[in-house]
Amino acid sequence: MSLTSKEIETVAGLARLQLTPDEIPVYAQSLSRILGMVGQLDKAETGLVEPMAHPLAGQVQRLREDAISSGNERDLYQRNAPQVEAGLYLVPKVIE
């Protein structure tokens, strides 16, 4: 897969990166190679691979008991909040 300069500029904008015109071809080549390697994984035959819960045979993940360890303390926590309404925390708008 080969990325265009426009695609690199779009990705850089989303990532809040300021790329110089000289850096764009370098990033395009590098990201294209990475996407090419990931694309090779699509060709791997995985139909006969059995899913596993642990990478080492015979071992299992130890899980704690799913039990309630403390009560509902929402009211206590909301007393410390600067703004609360109808049981919800009010926060300043950060997206314009």
PDB file of N, CA and C in Angstrom:
ATOM      1  N   MET A   1       0.842  -1.174   0.000  1.00  0.00           N
ATOM      2  CA  MET A   1       0.000   0.000   0.000  1.00  0.00           C
ATOM      3  C   MET A   1       0.884   1.233   0.000  1.00  0.00           C
ATOM      4  N   SER A   2       0.572   2.173  -0.851  1.00  0.00           N
ATOM      5  CA  SER A   2       1.354   3.388  -0.947  1.00  0.00           C
ATOM      6  C   SER A   2       0.487   4.582  -0.556  1.00  0.00           C
ATOM      7  N   LEU A   3       0.934   5.328   0.434  1.00  0.00           N
ATOM      8  CA  LEU A   3       0.192   6.486   0.913  1.00  0.00           C
ATOM      9  C   LEU A   3       0.579   7.725   0.113  1.00  0.00           C
ATOM     10  N   THR A   4      -0.392   8.582  -0.130  1.00  0.00           N
ATOM     11  CA  THR A   4      -0.137   9.823  -0.847  1.00  0.00           C
ATOM     12  C   THR A   4       0.252  10.918   0.134  1.00  0.00           C
ATOM     13  N   SER A   5       0.788  11.996  -0.406  1.00  0.00           N
ATOM     14  CA  SER A   5       1.159  13.139   0.435  1.00  0.00           C
ATOM     15  C   SER A   5      -0.063  13.715   1.141  1.00  0.00           C
ATOM     16  N   LYS A   6      -1.188  13.727   0.448  1.00  0.00           N
ATOM     17  CA  LYS A   6      -2.423  14.251   1.037  1.00  0.00           C
ATOM     18  C   LYS A   6      -2.847  13.397   2.234  1.00  0.00           C
ATOM     19  N   GLU A   7      -2.730  12.066   2.111  1.00  0.00           N
ATOM     20  CA  GLU A   7      -3.084  11.171   3.221  1.00  0.00           C
ATOM     21  C   GLU A   7      -2.149  11.391   4.415  1.00  0.00           C
ATOM     22  N   ILE A   8      -0.869  11.598   4.136  1.00  0.00           N
ATOM     23  CA  ILE A   8       0.092  11.849   5.214  1.00  0.00           C
ATOM     24  C   ILE A   8      -0.244  13.165   5.910  1.00  0.00           C
ATOM     25  N   GLU A   9      -0.601  14.189   5.147  1.00  0.00           N
ATOM     26  CA  GLU A   9      -0.982  15.474   5.742  1.00  0.00           C
ATOM     27  C   GLU A   9      -2.230  15.329   6.607  1.00  0.00           C
ATOM     28  N   THR A  10      -3.179  14.506   6.177  1.00  0.00           N
ATOM     29  CA  THR A  10      -4.398  14.277   6.949  1.00  0.00           C
ATOM     30  C   THR A  10      -4.076  13.570   8.261  1.00  0.00           C
ATOM     31  N   VAL A  11      -3.261  12.527   8.189  1.00  0.00           N
ATOM     32  CA  VAL A  11      -2.874  11.792   9.393  1.00  0.00           C
ATOM     33  C   VAL A  11      -2.068  12.690  10.326  1.00  0.00           C
ATOM     34  N   ALA A  12      -1.175  13.483   9.776  1.00  0.00           N
ATOM     35  CA  ALA A  12      -0.377  14.397  10.593  1.00  0.00           C
ATOM     36  C   ALA A  12      -1.273  15.421  11.278  1.00  0.00           C
ATOM     37  N   GLY A  13      -2.287  15.896  10.589  1.00  0.00           N
ATOM     38  CA  GLY A  13      -3.227  16.833  11.192  1.00  0.00           C
ATOM     39  C   GLY A  13      -3.999  16.206  12.334  1.00  0.00           C
ATOM     40  N   LEU A  14      -4.434  14.955  12.142  1.00  0.00           N
ATOM     41  CA  LEU A  14      -5.152  14.250  13.203  1.00  0.00           C
ATOM     42  C   LEU A  14      -4.260  14.010  14.412  1.00  0.00           C
ATOM     43  N   ALA A  15      -2.971  13.774  14.163  1.00  0.00           N
ATOM     44  CA  ALA A  15      -2.020  13.508  15.242  1.00  0.00           C
ATOM     45  C   ALA A  15      -1.420  14.801  15.790  1.00  0.00           C
ATOM     46  N   ARG A  16      -1.849  15.933  15.253  1.00  0.00           N
ATOM     47  CA  ARG A  16      -1.347  17.239  15.682  1.00  0.00           C
ATOM     48  C   ARG A  16       0.170  17.346  15.485  1.00  0.00           C
ATOM     49  N   LEU A  17       0.636  16.821  14.344  1.00  0.00           N
ATOM     50  CA  LEU A  17       2.055  16.908  13.999  1.00  0.00           C
ATOM     51  C   LEU A  17       2.241  17.993  12.950  1.00  0.00           C
ATOM     52  N   GLN A  18       3.273  18.751  13.072  1.00  0.00           N
ATOM     53  CA  GLN A  18       3.607  19.758  12.074  1.00  0.00           C
ATOM     54  C   GLN A  18       4.779  19.224  11.261  1.00  0.00           C
ATOM     55  N   LEU A  19       4.468  18.740  10.071  1.00  0.00           N
ATOM     56  CA  LEU A  19       5.506  18.182   9.213  1.00  0.00           C
ATOM     57  C   LEU A  19       5.926  19.217   8.185  1.00  0.00           C
ATOM     58  N   THR A  20       7.227  19.262   7.934  1.00  0.00           N
ATOM     59  CA  THR A  20       7.730  20.134   6.876  1.00  0.00           C
ATOM     60  C   THR A  20       7.521  19.416   5.540  1.00  0.00           C
ATOM     61  N   PRO A  21       7.525  20.154   4.438  1.00  0.00           N
ATOM     62  CA  PRO A  21       7.371  19.506   3.124  1.00  0.00           C
ATOM     63  C   PRO A  21       8.440  18.441   2.848  1.00  0.00           C
ATOM     64  N   ASP A  22       9.633  18.601   3.434  1.00  0.00           N
ATOM     65  CA  ASP A  22      10.693  17.604   3.234  1.00  0.00           C
ATOM     66  C   ASP A  22      10.422  16.317   4.009  1.00  0.00           C
ATOM     67  N   GLU A  23       9.689  16.405   5.100  1.00  0.00           N
ATOM     68  CA  GLU A  23       9.423  15.228   5.931  1.00  0.00           C
ATOM     69  C   GLU A  23       8.282  14.365   5.384  1.00  0.00           C
ATOM     70  N   ILE A  24       7.391  14.946   4.614  1.00  0.00           N
ATOM     71  CA  ILE A  24       6.210  14.216   4.140  1.00  0.00           C
ATOM     72  C   ILE A  24       6.581  12.974   3.322  1.00  0.00           C
ATOM     73  N   PRO A  25       7.495  13.051   2.346  1.00  0.00           N
ATOM     74  CA  PRO A  25       7.853  11.829   1.596  1.00  0.00           C
ATOM     75  C   PRO A  25       8.484  10.754   2.483  1.00  0.00           C
ATOM     76  N   VAL A  26       9.263  11.166   3.475  1.00  0.00           N
ATOM     77  CA  VAL A  26       9.897  10.203   4.381  1.00  0.00           C
ATOM     78  C   VAL A  26       8.821   9.465   5.176  1.00  0.00           C
ATOM     79  N   TYR A  27       7.871  10.215   5.703  1.00  0.00           N
ATOM     80  CA  TYR A  27       6.771   9.596   6.451  1.00  0.00           C
ATOM     81  C   TYR A  27       5.914   8.727   5.542  1.00  0.00           C
ATOM     82  N   ALA A  28       5.666   9.175   4.332  1.00  0.00           N
ATOM     83  CA  ALA A  28       4.853   8.393   3.393  1.00  0.00           C
ATOM     84  C   ALA A  28       5.502   7.040   3.114  1.00  0.00           C
ATOM     85  N   GLN A  29       6.809   7.043   2.880  1.00  0.00           N
ATOM     86  CA  GLN A  29       7.514   5.792   2.603  1.00  0.00           C
ATOM     87  C   GLN A  29       7.516   4.883   3.829  1.00  0.00           C
ATOM     88  N   SER A  30       7.793   5.457   4.987  1.00  0.00           N
ATOM     89  CA  SER A  30       7.868   4.665   6.217  1.00  0.00           C
ATOM     90  C   SER A  30       6.513   4.056   6.573  1.00  0.00           C
ATOM     91  N   LEU A  31       5.465   4.869   6.565  1.00  0.00           N
ATOM     92  CA  LEU A  31       4.135   4.352   6.906  1.00  0.00           C
ATOM     93  C   LEU A  31       3.624   3.364   5.856  1.00  0.00           C
ATOM     94  N   SER A  32       3.974   3.576   4.600  1.00  0.00           N
ATOM     95  CA  SER A  32       3.568   2.633   3.550  1.00  0.00           C
ATOM     96  C   SER A  32       4.204   1.268   3.775  1.00  0.00           C
ATOM     97  N   ARG A  33       5.480   1.255   4.182  1.00  0.00           N
ATOM     98  CA  ARG A  33       6.151  -0.017   4.474  1.00  0.00           C
ATOM     99  C   ARG A  33       5.495  -0.717   5.664  1.00  0.00           C
ATOM    100  N   ILE A  34       5.151   0.057   6.709  1.00  0.00           N
ATOM    101  CA  ILE A  34       4.510  -0.525   7.888  1.00  0.00           C
ATOM    102  C   ILE A  34       3.165  -1.127   7.506  1.00  0.00           C
ATOM    103  N   LEU A  35       2.365  -0.383   6.743  1.00  0.00           N
ATOM    104  CA  LEU A  35       1.058  -0.907   6.322  1.00  0.00           C
ATOM    105  C   LEU A  35       1.208  -2.121   5.411  1.00  0.00           C
ATOM    106  N   GLY A  36       2.274  -2.148   4.621  1.00  0.00           N
ATOM    107  CA  GLY A  36       2.539  -3.312   3.772  1.00  0.00           C
ATOM    108  C   GLY A  36       2.830  -4.559   4.598  1.00  0.00           C
ATOM    109  N   MET A  37       3.608  -4.380   5.675  1.00  0.00           N
ATOM    110  CA  MET A  37       3.907  -5.524   6.555  1.00  0.00           C
ATOM    111  C   MET A  37       2.647  -6.007   7.265  1.00  0.00           C
ATOM    112  N   VAL A  38       1.816  -5.083   7.701  1.00  0.00           N
ATOM    113  CA  VAL A  38       0.563  -5.470   8.351  1.00  0.00           C
ATOM    114  C   VAL A  38      -0.345  -6.166   7.343  1.00  0.00           C
ATOM    115  N   GLY A  39      -0.326  -5.699   6.105  1.00  0.00           N
ATOM    116  CA  GLY A  39      -1.126  -6.328   5.056  1.00  0.00           C
ATOM    117  C   GLY A  39      -0.723  -7.769   4.791  1.00  0.00           C
ATOM    118  N   GLN A  40       0.539  -8.092   5.019  1.00  0.00           N
ATOM    119  CA  GLN A  40       0.999  -9.471   4.830  1.00  0.00           C
ATOM    120  C   GLN A  40       0.338 -10.412   5.834  1.00  0.00           C
ATOM    121  N   LEU A  41      -0.040  -9.895   6.984  1.00  0.00           N
ATOM    122  CA  LEU A  41      -0.692 -10.730   7.989  1.00  0.00           C
ATOM    123  C   LEU A  41      -2.051 -11.234   7.513  1.00  0.00           C
ATOM    124  N   ASP A  42      -2.685 -10.482   6.615  1.00  0.00           N
ATOM    125  CA  ASP A  42      -3.974 -10.920   6.070  1.00  0.00           C
ATOM    126  C   ASP A  42      -3.838 -12.217   5.266  1.00  0.00           C
ATOM    127  N   LYS A  43      -2.656 -12.469   4.743  1.00  0.00           N
ATOM    128  CA  LYS A  43      -2.435 -13.664   3.926  1.00  0.00           C
ATOM    129  C   LYS A  43      -2.195 -14.914   4.766  1.00  0.00           C
ATOM    130  N   ALA A  44      -1.938 -14.747   6.050  1.00  0.00           N
ATOM    131  CA  ALA A  44      -1.650 -15.892   6.918  1.00  0.00           C
ATOM    132  C   ALA A  44      -2.909 -16.726   7.126  1.00  0.00           C
ATOM    133  N   GLU A  45      -2.774 -18.032   7.000  1.00  0.00           N
ATOM    134  CA  GLU A  45      -3.896 -18.954   7.198  1.00  0.00           C
ATOM    135  C   GLU A  45      -4.075 -19.191   8.685  1.00  0.00           C
ATOM    136  N   THR A  46      -5.195 -18.744   9.220  1.00  0.00           N
ATOM    137  CA  THR A  46      -5.461 -18.890  10.650  1.00  0.00           C
ATOM    138  C   THR A  46      -6.706 -19.725  10.930  1.00  0.00           C
ATOM    139  N   GLY A  47      -7.295 -20.291   9.910  1.00  0.00           N
ATOM    140  CA  GLY A  47      -8.533 -21.043  10.082  1.00  0.00           C
ATOM    141  C   GLY A  47      -8.392 -22.265  10.976  1.00  0.00           C
ATOM    142  N   LEU A  48      -7.229 -22.892  10.980  1.00  0.00           N
ATOM    143  CA  LEU A  48      -7.037 -24.103  11.767  1.00  0.00           C
ATOM    144  C   LEU A  48      -6.377 -23.835  13.118  1.00  0.00           C
ATOM    145  N   VAL A  49      -6.118 -22.573  13.436  1.00  0.00           N
ATOM    146  CA  VAL A  49      -5.477 -22.230  14.698  1.00  0.00           C
ATOM    147  C   VAL A  49      -6.533 -22.188  15.789  1.00  0.00           C
ATOM    148  N   GLU A  50      -6.296 -22.958  16.837  1.00  0.00           N
ATOM    149  CA  GLU A  50      -7.247 -23.009  17.946  1.00  0.00           C
ATOM    150  C   GLU A  50      -7.011 -21.818  18.878  1.00  0.00           C
ATOM    151  N   PRO A  51      -8.071 -21.098  19.228  1.00  0.00           N
ATOM    152  CA  PRO A  51      -7.893 -19.983  20.157  1.00  0.00           C
ATOM    153  C   PRO A  51      -7.362 -20.478  21.495  1.00  0.00           C
ATOM    154  N   MET A  52      -6.533 -19.649  22.135  1.00  0.00           N
ATOM    155  CA  MET A  52      -5.983 -20.066  23.417  1.00  0.00           C
ATOM    156  C   MET A  52      -6.200 -18.971  24.454  1.00  0.00           C
ATOM    157  N   ALA A  53      -6.340 -19.397  25.696  1.00  0.00           N
ATOM    158  CA  ALA A  53      -6.549 -18.456  26.782  1.00  0.00           C
ATOM    159  C   ALA A  53      -5.220 -17.992  27.364  1.00  0.00           C
ATOM    160  N   HIS A  54      -4.171 -18.758  27.135  1.00  0.00           N
ATOM    161  CA  HIS A  54      -2.864 -18.419  27.686  1.00  0.00           C
ATOM    162  C   HIS A  54      -1.805 -18.892  26.696  1.00  0.00           C
ATOM    163  N   PRO A  55      -0.735 -18.122  26.481  1.00  0.00           N
ATOM    164  CA  PRO A  55       0.253 -18.526  25.485  1.00  0.00           C
ATOM    165  C   PRO A  55       1.073 -19.751  25.873  1.00  0.00           C
ATOM    166  N   LEU A  56       1.091 -20.091  27.154  1.00  0.00           N
ATOM    167  CA  LEU A  56       1.832 -21.269  27.588  1.00  0.00           C
ATOM    168  C   LEU A  56       0.858 -22.401  27.876  1.00  0.00           C
ATOM    169  N   ALA A  57       1.099 -23.541  27.285  1.00  0.00           N
ATOM    170  CA  ALA A  57       0.195 -24.685  27.420  1.00  0.00           C
ATOM    171  C   ALA A  57       0.058 -25.120  28.872  1.00  0.00           C
ATOM    172  N   GLY A  58      -1.147 -25.431  29.278  1.00  0.00           N
ATOM    173  CA  GLY A  58      -1.399 -25.961  30.610  1.00  0.00           C
ATOM    174  C   GLY A  58      -1.504 -24.913  31.698  1.00  0.00           C
ATOM    175  N   GLN A  59      -1.340 -23.669  31.369  1.00  0.00           N
ATOM    176  CA  GLN A  59      -1.435 -22.626  32.391  1.00  0.00           C
ATOM    177  C   GLN A  59      -2.743 -21.864  32.218  1.00  0.00           C
ATOM    178  N   VAL A  60      -3.271 -21.398  33.317  1.00  0.00           N
ATOM    179  CA  VAL A  60      -4.524 -20.653  33.277  1.00  0.00           C
ATOM    180  C   VAL A  60      -4.331 -19.319  33.996  1.00  0.00           C
ATOM    181  N   GLN A  61      -5.195 -18.397  33.672  1.00  0.00           N
ATOM    182  CA  GLN A  61      -5.167 -17.088  34.319  1.00  0.00           C
ATOM    183  C   GLN A  61      -5.882 -17.185  35.656  1.00  0.00           C
ATOM    184  N   ARG A  62      -5.193 -16.822  36.724  1.00  0.00           N
ATOM    185  CA  ARG A  62      -5.831 -16.817  38.034  1.00  0.00           C
ATOM    186  C   ARG A  62      -6.678 -15.567  38.162  1.00  0.00           C
ATOM    187  N   LEU A  63      -7.937 -15.745  38.462  1.00  0.00           N
ATOM    188  CA  LEU A  63      -8.848 -14.623  38.593  1.00  0.00           C
ATOM    189  C   LEU A  63      -9.333 -14.526  40.030  1.00  0.00           C
ATOM    190  N   ARG A  64      -9.546 -13.314  40.476  1.00  0.00           N
ATOM    191  CA  ARG A  64     -10.088 -13.133  41.816  1.00  0.00           C
ATOM    192  C   ARG A  64     -11.597 -13.378  41.777  1.00  0.00           C
ATOM    193  N   GLU A  65     -12.151 -13.625  42.919  1.00  0.00           N
ATOM    194  CA  GLU A  65     -13.579 -13.831  43.019  1.00  0.00           C
ATOM    195  C   GLU A  65     -14.304 -12.525  42.690  1.00  0.00           C
ATOM    196  N   ASP A  66     -15.359 -12.620  41.939  1.00  0.00           N
ATOM    197  CA  ASP A  66     -16.131 -11.449  41.559  1.00  0.00           C
ATOM    198  C   ASP A  66     -17.115 -11.123  42.677  1.00  0.00           C
ATOM    199  N   ALA A  67     -16.631 -10.361  43.655  1.00  0.00           N
ATOM    200  CA  ALA A  67     -17.447 -10.036  44.822  1.00  0.00           C
ATOM    201  C   ALA A  67     -17.390  -8.537  45.086  1.00  0.00           C
ATOM    202  N   ILE A  68     -18.461  -7.987  45.605  1.00  0.00           N
ATOM    203  CA  ILE A  68     -18.510  -6.569  45.944  1.00  0.00           C
ATOM    204  C   ILE A  68     -17.619  -6.328  47.156  1.00  0.00           C
ATOM    205  N   SER A  69     -16.686  -5.370  47.017  1.00  0.00           N
ATOM    206  CA  SER A  69     -15.769  -5.111  48.118  1.00  0.00           C
ATOM    207  C   SER A  69     -16.082  -3.797  48.837  1.00  0.00           C
ATOM    208  N   SER A  70     -16.881  -2.948  48.234  1.00  0.00           N
ATOM    209  CA  SER A  70     -17.290  -1.713  48.894  1.00  0.00           C
ATOM    210  C   SER A  70     -18.667  -1.313  48.380  1.00  0.00           C
ATOM    211  N   GLY A  71     -19.328  -0.493  49.142  1.00  0.00           N
ATOM    212  CA  GLY A  71     -20.673  -0.089  48.772  1.00  0.00           C
ATOM    213  C   GLY A  71     -20.686   1.068  47.791  1.00  0.00           C
ATOM    214  N   ASN A  72     -21.882   1.526  47.437  1.00  0.00           N
ATOM    215  CA  ASN A  72     -22.059   2.645  46.532  1.00  0.00           C
ATOM    216  C   ASN A  72     -21.793   3.938  47.310  1.00  0.00           C
ATOM    217  N   GLU A  73     -20.721   4.623  46.969  1.00  0.00           N
ATOM    218  CA  GLU A  73     -20.340   5.841  47.665  1.00  0.00           C
ATOM    219  C   GLU A  73     -20.403   7.051  46.740  1.00  0.00           C
ATOM    220  N   ARG A  74     -21.315   7.004  45.752  1.00  0.00           N
ATOM    221  CA  ARG A  74     -21.439   8.085  44.783  1.00  0.00           C
ATOM    222  C   ARG A  74     -21.709   9.418  45.465  1.00  0.00           C
ATOM    223  N   ASP A  75     -22.639   9.458  46.419  1.00  0.00           N
ATOM    224  CA  ASP A  75     -22.981  10.711  47.086  1.00  0.00           C
ATOM    225  C   ASP A  75     -21.761  11.301  47.800  1.00  0.00           C
ATOM    226  N   LEU A  76     -20.963  10.457  48.420  1.00  0.00           N
ATOM    227  CA  LEU A  76     -19.758  10.915  49.102  1.00  0.00           C
ATOM    228  C   LEU A  76     -18.784  11.543  48.107  1.00  0.00           C
ATOM    229  N   TYR A  77     -18.580  10.889  46.976  1.00  0.00           N
ATOM    230  CA  TYR A  77     -17.644  11.383  45.977  1.00  0.00           C
ATOM    231  C   TYR A  77     -18.159  12.661  45.319  1.00  0.00           C
ATOM    232  N   GLN A  78     -19.460  12.753  45.122  1.00  0.00           N
ATOM    233  CA  GLN A  78     -20.001  13.923  44.448  1.00  0.00           C
ATOM    234  C   GLN A  78     -19.982  15.165  45.337  1.00  0.00           C
ATOM    235  N   ARG A  79     -19.856  14.995  46.623  1.00  0.00           N
ATOM    236  CA  ARG A  79     -19.729  16.157  47.510  1.00  0.00           C
ATOM    237  C   ARG A  79     -18.437  16.922  47.232  1.00  0.00           C
ATOM    238  N   ASN A  80     -17.421  16.228  46.725  1.00  0.00           N
ATOM    239  CA  ASN A  80     -16.145  16.867  46.414  1.00  0.00           C
ATOM    240  C   ASN A  80     -16.110  17.489  45.023  1.00  0.00           C
ATOM    241  N   ALA A  81     -17.075  17.172  44.177  1.00  0.00           N
ATOM    242  CA  ALA A  81     -17.078  17.661  42.798  1.00  0.00           C
ATOM    243  C   ALA A  81     -17.496  19.123  42.743  1.00  0.00           C
ATOM    244  N   PRO A  82     -16.869  19.913  41.867  1.00  0.00           N
ATOM    245  CA  PRO A  82     -17.236  21.316  41.753  1.00  0.00           C
ATOM    246  C   PRO A  82     -18.675  21.517  41.273  1.00  0.00           C
ATOM    247  N   GLN A  83     -19.129  20.687  40.322  1.00  0.00           N
ATOM    248  CA  GLN A  83     -20.488  20.823  39.798  1.00  0.00           C
ATOM    249  C   GLN A  83     -21.100  19.446  39.586  1.00  0.00           C
ATOM    250  N   VAL A  84     -22.314  19.268  40.120  1.00  0.00           N
ATOM    251  CA  VAL A  84     -23.048  18.012  39.987  1.00  0.00           C
ATOM    252  C   VAL A  84     -24.499  18.356  39.687  1.00  0.00           C
ATOM    253  N   GLU A  85     -25.101  17.577  38.802  1.00  0.00           N
ATOM    254  CA  GLU A  85     -26.516  17.777  38.511  1.00  0.00           C
ATOM    255  C   GLU A  85     -27.149  16.428  38.193  1.00  0.00           C
ATOM    256  N   ALA A  86     -28.223  16.102  38.889  1.00  0.00           N
ATOM    257  CA  ALA A  86     -28.975  14.860  38.681  1.00  0.00           C
ATOM    258  C   ALA A  86     -28.068  13.633  38.789  1.00  0.00           C
ATOM    259  N   GLY A  87     -27.117  13.662  39.712  1.00  0.00           N
ATOM    260  CA  GLY A  87     -26.240  12.521  39.923  1.00  0.00           C
ATOM    261  C   GLY A  87     -25.110  12.419  38.914  1.00  0.00           C
ATOM    262  N   LEU A  88     -24.930  13.437  38.051  1.00  0.00           N
ATOM    263  CA  LEU A  88     -23.882  13.417  37.033  1.00  0.00           C
ATOM    264  C   LEU A  88     -22.867  14.514  37.317  1.00  0.00           C
ATOM    265  N   TYR A  89     -21.621  14.272  36.952  1.00  0.00           N
ATOM    266  CA  TYR A  89     -20.571  15.271  37.096  1.00  0.00           C
ATOM    267  C   TYR A  89     -20.642  16.214  35.897  1.00  0.00           C
ATOM    268  N   LEU A  90     -20.620  17.507  36.140  1.00  0.00           N
ATOM    269  CA  LEU A  90     -20.604  18.491  35.069  1.00  0.00           C
ATOM    270  C   LEU A  90     -19.159  18.944  34.865  1.00  0.00           C
ATOM    271  N   VAL A  91     -18.707  18.899  33.632  1.00  0.00           N
ATOM    272  CA  VAL A  91     -17.339  19.278  33.315  1.00  0.00           C
ATOM    273  C   VAL A  91     -17.342  20.343  32.228  1.00  0.00           C
ATOM    274  N   PRO A  92     -16.301  21.165  32.157  1.00  0.00           N
ATOM    275  CA  PRO A  92     -16.255  22.198  31.118  1.00  0.00           C
ATOM    276  C   PRO A  92     -16.170  21.570  29.728  1.00  0.00           C
ATOM    277  N   LYS A  93     -16.743  22.245  28.753  1.00  0.00           N
ATOM    278  CA  LYS A  93     -16.681  21.795  27.367  1.00  0.00           C
ATOM    279  C   LYS A  93     -15.242  21.962  26.870  1.00  0.00           C
ATOM    280  N   VAL A  94     -14.663  20.911  26.286  1.00  0.00           N
ATOM    281  CA  VAL A  94     -13.291  20.976  25.818  1.00  0.00           C
ATOM    282  C   VAL A  94     -13.186  20.819  24.302  1.00  0.00           C
ATOM    283  N   ILE A  95     -14.274  20.451  23.648  1.00  0.00           N
ATOM    284  CA  ILE A  95     -14.277  20.283  22.189  1.00  0.00           C
ATOM    285  C   ILE A  95     -15.061  21.437  21.594  1.00  0.00           C
ATOM    286  N   GLU A  96     -14.438  22.111  20.662  1.00  0.00           N
ATOM    287  CA  GLU A  96     -15.094  23.258  20.046  1.00  0.00           C
ATOM    288  C   GLU A  96     -15.889  22.823  18.841  1.00  0.00           C
TER     289      GLU A  96
END
